[in-house]
N, C-alpha and C. Protein backbone atom coordinates (compact mmCIF):
# COMPACT_ATOMS: atom_id res chain seq x y z
N UNK A 1 21.67 -10.11 -7.83
CA UNK A 1 21.08 -8.75 -7.33
C UNK A 1 20.95 -7.45 -8.09
N UNK A 2 19.63 -6.80 -8.06
CA UNK A 2 19.44 -5.47 -9.12
C UNK A 2 19.35 -4.14 -8.04
N UNK A 3 20.30 -4.02 -7.78
CA UNK A 3 20.11 -2.50 -7.18
C UNK A 3 19.51 -1.35 -7.54
N UNK A 4 18.65 -0.64 -7.02
CA UNK A 4 18.01 0.14 -7.14
C UNK A 4 17.61 1.87 -6.38
N UNK A 5 18.55 2.94 -6.87
CA UNK A 5 18.90 3.75 -6.10
C UNK A 5 18.15 4.71 -6.88
N UNK A 6 17.74 5.28 -6.04
CA UNK A 6 16.87 6.81 -6.38
C UNK A 6 17.90 7.66 -6.76
N UNK A 7 17.35 8.65 -7.70
CA UNK A 7 18.31 9.22 -8.54
C UNK A 7 18.68 10.94 -7.93
N UNK A 8 17.33 11.11 -6.58
CA UNK A 8 18.14 12.31 -6.15
C UNK A 8 17.12 11.69 -4.55
N UNK A 9 18.43 12.58 -3.57
CA UNK A 9 17.41 12.38 -1.94
C UNK A 9 16.05 12.27 -1.83
N UNK A 10 15.07 12.58 -3.06
CA UNK A 10 13.39 12.83 -2.43
C UNK A 10 12.93 12.69 -4.30
N UNK A 11 13.38 11.67 -5.09
CA UNK A 11 13.35 11.30 -6.24
C UNK A 11 12.51 10.05 -6.06
N UNK A 12 11.44 9.86 -6.54
CA UNK A 12 10.53 8.68 -6.83
C UNK A 12 11.35 8.04 -8.76
N UNK A 13 12.54 8.88 -8.82
CA UNK A 13 13.56 8.31 -10.36
C UNK A 13 13.72 7.68 -9.60
N UNK A 14 14.67 6.34 -9.87
CA UNK A 14 15.65 4.96 -10.08
C UNK A 14 16.28 4.73 -11.22
N UNK A 15 17.58 4.78 -10.36
CA UNK A 15 18.36 3.91 -11.70
C UNK A 15 18.88 2.01 -10.56
N UNK A 16 18.32 1.23 -11.97
CA UNK A 16 18.60 -0.25 -11.64
C UNK A 16 19.45 -0.56 -12.35
N UNK A 17 20.91 -1.10 -11.88
CA UNK A 17 21.56 -2.08 -12.34
C UNK A 17 22.27 -2.82 -11.42
N UNK A 18 22.76 -3.82 -12.72
CA UNK A 18 23.39 -5.36 -12.36
C UNK A 18 24.32 -5.40 -13.39
N UNK A 19 24.58 -7.19 -13.12
CA UNK A 19 26.55 -7.70 -14.19
C UNK A 19 25.01 -7.66 -15.58
N UNK A 20 25.03 -6.97 -16.31
CA UNK A 20 24.80 -6.46 -18.04
C UNK A 20 23.37 -5.87 -18.49
N UNK A 21 22.75 -5.17 -17.31
CA UNK A 21 21.83 -5.06 -17.90
C UNK A 21 22.05 -2.92 -16.27
N UNK A 22 21.07 -2.77 -17.16
CA UNK A 22 20.88 -0.79 -16.10
C UNK A 22 19.36 -0.65 -16.82
N UNK A 23 18.64 0.04 -16.30
CA UNK A 23 17.11 1.07 -16.36
C UNK A 23 18.03 2.40 -16.06
N UNK A 24 16.93 3.39 -16.10
CA UNK A 24 16.42 4.46 -15.69
C UNK A 24 14.31 4.46 -15.32
N UNK A 25 14.09 5.18 -14.58
CA UNK A 25 13.08 4.98 -14.56
C UNK A 25 12.43 6.47 -13.93
N UNK A 26 11.22 6.81 -14.87
CA UNK A 26 11.00 7.77 -14.63
C UNK A 26 9.10 8.25 -14.27
N UNK A 27 8.69 8.74 -13.24
CA UNK A 27 7.53 9.22 -13.05
C UNK A 27 6.95 10.53 -13.33
N UNK A 28 6.29 10.74 -13.84
CA UNK A 28 6.37 12.07 -14.03
C UNK A 28 4.99 12.47 -12.63
N UNK A 29 5.56 13.59 -12.45
CA UNK A 29 5.50 14.72 -11.42
C UNK A 29 3.91 14.45 -10.47
N UNK A 30 3.32 15.16 -12.48
CA UNK A 30 1.64 15.04 -12.43
C UNK A 30 1.01 13.77 -12.68
N UNK A 31 0.23 12.87 -12.15
CA UNK A 31 -0.35 11.79 -13.08
C UNK A 31 0.43 10.88 -12.33
N UNK A 32 0.19 9.38 -13.51
CA UNK A 32 0.99 8.51 -12.85
C UNK A 32 1.31 7.22 -14.44
N UNK A 33 1.67 8.80 -15.22
CA UNK A 33 2.24 7.91 -16.23
C UNK A 33 4.27 8.35 -16.21
N UNK A 34 5.12 7.48 -17.24
CA UNK A 34 6.16 8.39 -17.48
C UNK A 34 7.00 6.88 -18.36
N UNK A 35 8.55 7.23 -18.50
CA UNK A 35 8.92 6.57 -19.05
C UNK A 35 9.89 5.73 -17.92
N UNK A 36 10.33 4.92 -18.91
CA UNK A 36 11.29 3.83 -18.76
C UNK A 36 12.46 3.87 -19.85
N UNK A 37 13.68 3.79 -19.45
CA UNK A 37 15.28 3.38 -20.80
C UNK A 37 16.04 2.29 -19.89
N UNK A 38 15.81 0.59 -20.55
CA UNK A 38 16.23 -0.25 -20.10
C UNK A 38 17.28 -0.61 -21.18
N UNK A 39 18.25 -0.59 -21.23
CA UNK A 39 19.39 -1.36 -21.56
C UNK A 39 19.57 -0.81 -23.34
N UNK A 40 19.45 0.81 -23.02
CA UNK A 40 19.75 1.64 -23.78
C UNK A 40 18.17 1.61 -24.61
N UNK A 41 17.44 1.31 -24.26
CA UNK A 41 15.87 1.47 -25.40
C UNK A 41 14.88 2.33 -24.66
N UNK A 42 14.05 3.27 -25.49
CA UNK A 42 13.45 3.81 -24.56
C UNK A 42 12.14 3.33 -24.54
N UNK A 43 11.41 3.59 -23.61
CA UNK A 43 9.52 3.32 -23.72
C UNK A 43 8.53 3.93 -22.82
N UNK A 44 7.37 4.63 -23.30
CA UNK A 44 6.84 4.96 -22.72
C UNK A 44 6.19 4.47 -21.43
N UNK A 45 5.44 4.87 -20.66
CA UNK A 45 4.38 4.21 -19.36
C UNK A 45 3.24 4.72 -19.53
N UNK A 46 2.26 4.15 -20.05
CA UNK A 46 0.74 5.58 -20.39
C UNK A 46 -0.38 4.37 -20.11
N UNK A 47 -0.87 5.57 -18.60
CA UNK A 47 -2.58 4.85 -18.14
C UNK A 47 -3.52 5.23 -19.19
N UNK A 48 -4.54 4.59 -19.12
CA UNK A 48 -5.42 4.08 -20.30
C UNK A 48 -6.34 5.03 -19.38
N UNK A 49 -6.19 6.43 -18.78
CA UNK A 49 -7.66 6.81 -18.33
C UNK A 49 -7.11 7.54 -17.59
N UNK A 50 -7.15 8.35 -17.24
CA UNK A 50 -7.63 8.72 -15.38
C UNK A 50 -7.95 7.71 -14.32
N UNK A 51 -9.51 7.58 -14.44
CA UNK A 51 -9.83 6.62 -13.52
C UNK A 51 -9.76 5.51 -14.06
N UNK A 52 -8.82 4.20 -14.89
CA UNK A 52 -8.44 3.21 -15.30
C UNK A 52 -7.03 2.67 -14.82
N UNK A 53 -6.86 1.41 -13.85
CA UNK A 53 -6.33 0.76 -13.51
C UNK A 53 -5.66 0.10 -14.80
N UNK A 54 -5.12 1.01 -15.62
CA UNK A 54 -4.80 -0.11 -16.88
C UNK A 54 -3.57 1.16 -17.31
N UNK A 55 -2.68 -0.31 -17.41
CA UNK A 55 -0.89 0.93 -18.08
C UNK A 55 -0.21 -0.18 -18.86
N UNK A 56 0.17 0.26 -20.18
CA UNK A 56 1.03 0.70 -21.22
C UNK A 56 2.32 0.49 -21.19
N UNK A 57 2.87 -0.50 -21.77
CA UNK A 57 4.28 0.34 -21.89
C UNK A 57 4.87 -0.36 -23.18
N UNK A 58 5.05 0.80 -24.02
CA UNK A 58 5.36 1.28 -25.30
C UNK A 58 7.18 1.57 -25.86
N UNK A 59 7.37 0.35 -26.60
CA UNK A 59 8.11 1.48 -27.73
C UNK A 59 8.01 1.46 -28.67
N UNK A 60 9.76 1.85 -29.60
CA UNK A 60 9.09 1.74 -30.56
C UNK A 60 8.64 0.59 -31.06
N UNK A 61 8.74 -1.10 -30.99
CA UNK A 61 7.81 -1.79 -32.09
C UNK A 61 6.39 -2.29 -31.32
N UNK A 62 6.01 -0.93 -30.55
CA UNK A 62 4.67 -1.21 -30.15
C UNK A 62 4.09 -1.21 -28.38
N UNK A 63 3.37 -1.98 -28.60
CA UNK A 63 2.98 -2.23 -27.13
C UNK A 63 3.59 -3.69 -26.54
N UNK A 64 4.58 -3.25 -24.90
CA UNK A 64 5.42 -5.13 -25.26
C UNK A 64 4.42 -5.46 -23.97
N UNK A 65 4.40 -4.47 -22.60
CA UNK A 65 3.38 -5.27 -21.61
C UNK A 65 2.49 -4.66 -21.14
N UNK A 66 1.32 -5.01 -20.84
CA UNK A 66 0.26 -4.39 -20.44
C UNK A 66 -0.52 -4.56 -18.99
N UNK A 67 -0.41 -3.59 -18.14
CA UNK A 67 -0.60 -3.86 -16.71
C UNK A 67 -1.55 -3.59 -16.13
N UNK A 68 -2.22 -4.61 -15.43
CA UNK A 68 -4.02 -4.31 -15.27
C UNK A 68 -3.88 -4.40 -13.56
N UNK A 69 -4.00 -3.50 -13.06
CA UNK A 69 -4.69 -3.10 -11.10
C UNK A 69 -6.08 -4.15 -11.37
N UNK A 70 -6.04 -4.80 -10.34
CA UNK A 70 -6.96 -6.13 -10.19
C UNK A 70 -8.09 -5.63 -9.61
N UNK A 71 -8.01 -4.77 -8.76
CA UNK A 71 -8.35 -4.55 -7.08
C UNK A 71 -8.49 -2.49 -6.88
N UNK A 72 -9.28 -1.58 -6.92
CA UNK A 72 -8.59 -0.05 -6.09
C UNK A 72 -7.69 -0.83 -5.03
N UNK A 73 -8.54 -1.67 -4.32
CA UNK A 73 -8.12 -2.06 -3.24
C UNK A 73 -6.86 -2.86 -2.69
N UNK A 74 -6.60 -3.32 -3.64
CA UNK A 74 -5.00 -4.85 -3.72
C UNK A 74 -3.99 -4.08 -4.39
N UNK A 75 -2.75 -4.36 -3.75
CA UNK A 75 -1.73 -4.13 -4.41
C UNK A 75 -1.23 -5.47 -5.36
N UNK A 76 -2.54 -5.53 -6.29
CA UNK A 76 -1.97 -6.99 -7.42
C UNK A 76 -1.88 -6.04 -9.02
N UNK A 77 -1.40 -6.34 -9.55
CA UNK A 77 -1.34 -6.26 -11.08
C UNK A 77 -1.09 -7.38 -11.91
N UNK A 78 -1.97 -7.63 -12.90
CA UNK A 78 -1.82 -8.91 -13.20
C UNK A 78 -0.45 -8.63 -14.47
N UNK A 79 0.27 -8.82 -15.55
CA UNK A 79 0.71 -8.51 -16.38
C UNK A 79 0.75 -9.11 -17.32
N UNK A 80 0.02 -9.16 -18.62
CA UNK A 80 0.13 -9.47 -20.05
C UNK A 80 1.21 -8.36 -21.28
N UNK A 81 1.95 -9.63 -21.65
CA UNK A 81 3.07 -9.38 -22.67
C UNK A 81 3.50 -10.12 -23.76
N UNK A 82 4.60 -9.74 -24.10
CA UNK A 82 4.87 -10.56 -25.61
C UNK A 82 5.66 -12.02 -24.74
N UNK A 83 6.47 -11.68 -23.51
CA UNK A 83 7.31 -12.82 -22.76
C UNK A 83 6.42 -13.43 -22.35
N UNK A 84 4.41 -13.37 -22.29
CA UNK A 84 4.15 -14.21 -21.25
C UNK A 84 3.12 -13.15 -20.67
N UNK A 85 2.93 -14.27 -19.27
CA UNK A 85 2.04 -13.11 -18.33
C UNK A 85 2.51 -13.64 -16.39
N UNK A 86 2.57 -12.65 -15.74
CA UNK A 86 3.12 -12.59 -14.80
C UNK A 86 2.12 -11.70 -13.90
N UNK A 87 2.64 -11.54 -12.16
CA UNK A 87 1.36 -10.87 -11.14
C UNK A 87 2.30 -10.35 -10.82
N UNK A 88 1.56 -9.30 -10.00
CA UNK A 88 2.92 -8.35 -9.57
C UNK A 88 2.25 -8.25 -8.27
N UNK A 89 2.05 -8.61 -7.18
CA UNK A 89 1.31 -8.50 -5.73
C UNK A 89 2.08 -8.04 -4.52
N UNK A 90 2.22 -7.73 -3.21
CA UNK A 90 2.24 -7.50 -2.51
C UNK A 90 2.58 -8.09 -1.47
N UNK A 91 4.12 -8.47 -1.11
CA UNK A 91 3.85 -10.00 -0.26
C UNK A 91 3.66 -10.07 1.09
N UNK A 92 3.02 -9.07 1.31
CA UNK A 92 2.12 -8.94 2.66
C UNK A 92 1.01 -7.27 2.87
N UNK A 93 0.19 -7.97 3.76
CA UNK A 93 -0.85 -6.45 3.65
C UNK A 93 0.24 -4.95 3.63
N UNK A 94 1.42 -5.62 5.10
CA UNK A 94 1.88 -3.86 6.01
C UNK A 94 3.22 -3.99 5.48
N UNK A 95 4.22 -3.95 4.36
CA UNK A 95 5.10 -4.14 4.11
C UNK A 95 5.18 -3.39 2.50
N UNK A 96 6.17 -2.47 2.10
CA UNK A 96 5.97 -2.53 1.44
C UNK A 96 7.03 -3.92 -0.14
N UNK A 97 7.26 -4.74 0.20
CA UNK A 97 8.31 -5.28 -0.28
C UNK A 97 6.32 -6.36 -1.65
N UNK A 98 7.25 -6.66 -2.81
CA UNK A 98 6.47 -6.80 -4.09
C UNK A 98 7.38 -7.69 -4.64
N UNK A 99 5.88 -8.77 -5.04
CA UNK A 99 6.73 -9.92 -5.90
C UNK A 99 6.34 -9.62 -6.91
N UNK A 100 7.20 -9.97 -8.09
CA UNK A 100 6.67 -10.22 -9.56
C UNK A 100 7.18 -12.14 -10.13
N UNK A 101 5.86 -12.69 -10.22
CA UNK A 101 5.78 -14.16 -10.52
C UNK A 101 5.09 -14.35 -11.98
N UNK A 102 6.04 -15.20 -12.91
CA UNK A 102 5.34 -15.45 -13.84
C UNK A 102 6.69 -16.37 -14.53
N UNK A 103 5.59 -16.80 -16.32
CA UNK A 103 6.79 -17.14 -17.13
C UNK A 103 7.95 -16.79 -16.96
N UNK A 104 9.16 -17.42 -16.60
CA UNK A 104 10.76 -17.25 -17.12
C UNK A 104 10.50 -15.65 -15.77
N UNK A 105 10.13 -15.47 -14.95
CA UNK A 105 10.81 -14.35 -13.60
C UNK A 105 10.55 -14.82 -12.34
N UNK A 106 10.98 -14.71 -11.31
CA UNK A 106 10.23 -14.76 -9.95
C UNK A 106 10.91 -14.46 -8.82
N UNK A 107 10.67 -12.70 -8.88
CA UNK A 107 11.76 -11.77 -7.80
C UNK A 107 11.02 -10.95 -6.75
N UNK A 108 11.77 -10.54 -5.68
CA UNK A 108 11.33 -10.09 -5.07
C UNK A 108 11.68 -8.55 -4.80
N UNK A 109 11.15 -7.63 -4.89
CA UNK A 109 11.35 -5.99 -4.47
C UNK A 109 11.53 -5.84 -3.58
N UNK A 110 12.08 -5.74 -2.61
CA UNK A 110 12.02 -5.07 -1.47
C UNK A 110 13.02 -3.85 -1.28
N UNK A 111 12.35 -2.71 -0.11
CA UNK A 111 13.05 -1.31 0.56
C UNK A 111 14.17 -2.06 1.34
N UNK A 112 14.67 -1.32 1.10
CA UNK A 112 16.87 -1.64 1.94
C UNK A 112 16.50 -1.81 3.58
N UNK A 113 15.56 -0.93 3.64
CA UNK A 113 15.12 -0.91 5.13
C UNK A 113 13.51 0.23 4.70
N UNK A 114 13.12 0.45 6.03
CA UNK A 114 11.49 1.12 5.79
C UNK A 114 12.19 2.64 6.10
N UNK A 115 13.34 3.30 6.46
CA UNK A 115 12.86 5.10 6.53
C UNK A 115 13.83 4.97 4.97
N UNK A 116 14.16 4.37 4.33
CA UNK A 116 14.54 5.04 2.48
C UNK A 116 13.98 4.59 1.42
N UNK A 117 14.09 5.01 0.53
CA UNK A 117 13.49 4.92 -0.83
C UNK A 117 14.37 3.72 -1.66
N UNK A 118 16.55 3.90 -1.34
CA UNK A 118 16.35 2.69 -2.02
C UNK A 118 15.97 1.71 -1.71
N UNK A 119 16.58 0.48 -2.73
CA UNK A 119 15.79 -1.19 -2.83
C UNK A 119 16.45 -2.10 -3.09
N UNK A 120 16.45 -2.97 -3.41
CA UNK A 120 17.57 -3.85 -4.37
C UNK A 120 15.81 -5.28 -4.33
N UNK A 121 16.77 -6.18 -6.10
CA UNK A 121 15.13 -6.94 -6.75
C UNK A 121 16.18 -8.13 -6.83
N UNK A 122 15.55 -9.46 -6.52
CA UNK A 122 16.77 -9.90 -6.43
C UNK A 122 15.45 -12.15 -6.25
N UNK A 123 15.84 -12.68 -6.98
CA UNK A 123 15.83 -13.31 -7.86
C UNK A 123 15.69 -14.07 -9.49
N UNK A 124 14.83 -14.49 -9.69
CA UNK A 124 15.46 -14.85 -11.25
C UNK A 124 14.20 -14.42 -11.71
N UNK A 125 15.63 -13.48 -13.07
CA UNK A 125 14.96 -12.10 -13.69
C UNK A 125 14.64 -12.62 -15.41
N UNK A 126 14.85 -13.51 -15.71
CA UNK A 126 14.57 -13.34 -17.20
C UNK A 126 14.53 -12.38 -17.86
N UNK A 127 13.35 -12.19 -18.60
CA UNK A 127 13.16 -10.61 -18.83
C UNK A 127 13.64 -9.17 -18.17
N UNK A 128 14.54 -8.48 -18.86
CA UNK A 128 14.64 -7.69 -17.70
C UNK A 128 13.69 -6.26 -18.09
N UNK A 129 13.49 -6.07 -19.08
CA UNK A 129 12.89 -5.05 -19.32
C UNK A 129 11.19 -5.24 -18.67
N UNK A 130 10.73 -6.73 -18.16
CA UNK A 130 9.35 -6.88 -17.22
C UNK A 130 9.61 -6.74 -16.08
N UNK A 131 10.54 -6.94 -15.13
CA UNK A 131 11.41 -6.36 -14.19
C UNK A 131 11.29 -5.16 -14.29
N UNK A 132 11.92 -4.41 -15.31
CA UNK A 132 11.62 -3.01 -14.76
C UNK A 132 10.65 -2.01 -14.76
N UNK A 133 9.53 -2.55 -15.48
CA UNK A 133 8.19 -2.38 -15.52
C UNK A 133 7.52 -3.16 -13.93
N UNK A 134 7.98 -3.94 -13.49
CA UNK A 134 7.48 -4.18 -12.17
C UNK A 134 7.98 -2.99 -10.92
N UNK A 135 9.39 -3.04 -11.43
CA UNK A 135 9.66 -1.72 -10.23
C UNK A 135 8.92 -0.86 -10.74
N UNK A 136 8.81 0.06 -11.97
CA UNK A 136 8.01 1.34 -12.14
C UNK A 136 6.85 1.03 -11.83
N UNK A 137 6.02 0.51 -11.17
CA UNK A 137 4.88 0.02 -11.06
C UNK A 137 4.76 -0.18 -9.49
N UNK A 138 5.84 -0.50 -9.18
CA UNK A 138 5.76 -0.82 -7.47
C UNK A 138 6.82 0.63 -7.20
N UNK A 139 7.83 2.25 -8.17
CA UNK A 139 7.98 2.74 -6.85
C UNK A 139 6.22 3.81 -6.99
N UNK A 140 5.26 3.48 -8.35
CA UNK A 140 4.76 4.05 -8.71
C UNK A 140 3.18 3.81 -7.10
N UNK A 141 3.14 2.42 -6.47
CA UNK A 141 2.62 2.60 -5.38
C UNK A 141 2.97 3.10 -4.31
N UNK A 142 4.34 2.74 -3.73
CA UNK A 142 5.11 3.38 -2.59
C UNK A 142 4.50 5.36 -3.02
N UNK A 143 5.22 5.59 -4.16
CA UNK A 143 4.86 7.11 -4.21
C UNK A 143 3.41 7.55 -3.76
N UNK A 144 2.86 6.49 -4.38
CA UNK A 144 0.90 6.83 -3.53
C UNK A 144 0.88 6.53 -2.00
N UNK A 145 1.56 5.86 -1.30
CA UNK A 145 1.40 5.41 -0.41
C UNK A 145 2.32 6.61 0.70
N UNK A 146 3.03 7.31 0.00
CA UNK A 146 3.80 8.26 1.14
C UNK A 146 2.82 9.87 0.72
N UNK A 147 2.87 9.73 -0.60
CA UNK A 147 1.23 11.23 -0.45
C UNK A 147 0.41 10.53 -0.10
N UNK A 148 -0.49 9.89 0.27
CA UNK A 148 -1.27 9.58 1.32
C UNK A 148 -1.24 9.67 2.88
N UNK A 149 0.01 9.32 3.36
CA UNK A 149 0.13 9.35 4.47
C UNK A 149 0.84 10.45 4.87
N UNK A 150 1.02 11.22 3.74
CA UNK A 150 1.45 13.08 3.91
C UNK A 150 -0.02 14.24 3.99
N UNK A 151 -0.28 13.26 3.39
CA UNK A 151 -1.97 14.24 3.42
C UNK A 151 -3.18 13.88 4.63
N UNK A 152 -2.66 12.53 5.28
CA UNK A 152 -3.57 12.36 5.66
C UNK A 152 -4.54 11.21 6.06
N UNK A 153 -5.34 10.15 4.34
CA UNK A 153 -5.42 9.60 3.72
C UNK A 153 -4.53 8.47 3.90
N UNK A 154 -5.24 7.23 3.54
CA UNK A 154 -4.80 5.77 3.97
C UNK A 154 -3.76 5.92 3.16
N UNK A 155 -4.14 4.16 3.05
CA UNK A 155 -2.37 3.52 2.30
C UNK A 155 -3.21 3.43 1.09
N UNK A 156 -2.61 2.72 -0.39
CA UNK A 156 -2.31 2.44 -1.27
C UNK A 156 -3.14 1.44 -0.95
């Protein structure tokens, strides 16, 4: 199990930890970009334009993964990269839980309970960098939903 703890009481930035692996996620406070530190390696998460539904995970060796949101109305991303393909999707239409499934990865990302930002990841991890990127995208969706709920708008 990977434990996902917010880095502050109101933070959308997380520390992920499990046996042998560690990561930190960072969402920029404005926009939909940020960074990841995975097992000591630094990555940038870059959105390909203001209205684009496409994000790249970039490291020193270039682009590692590309995530494409399949629809503005669905919480689903198709992820392609050096390790193969995966899909990050909502487990149900109403909950915050997400599933990341693909080549050598099959995990569930679930909040600890409805009133917390704490979460856990369980399942077959495979490439920890892919799982951390999937969690970064999940935290982005959670932040969008919280922002929409606070402004009287709809869900994400």
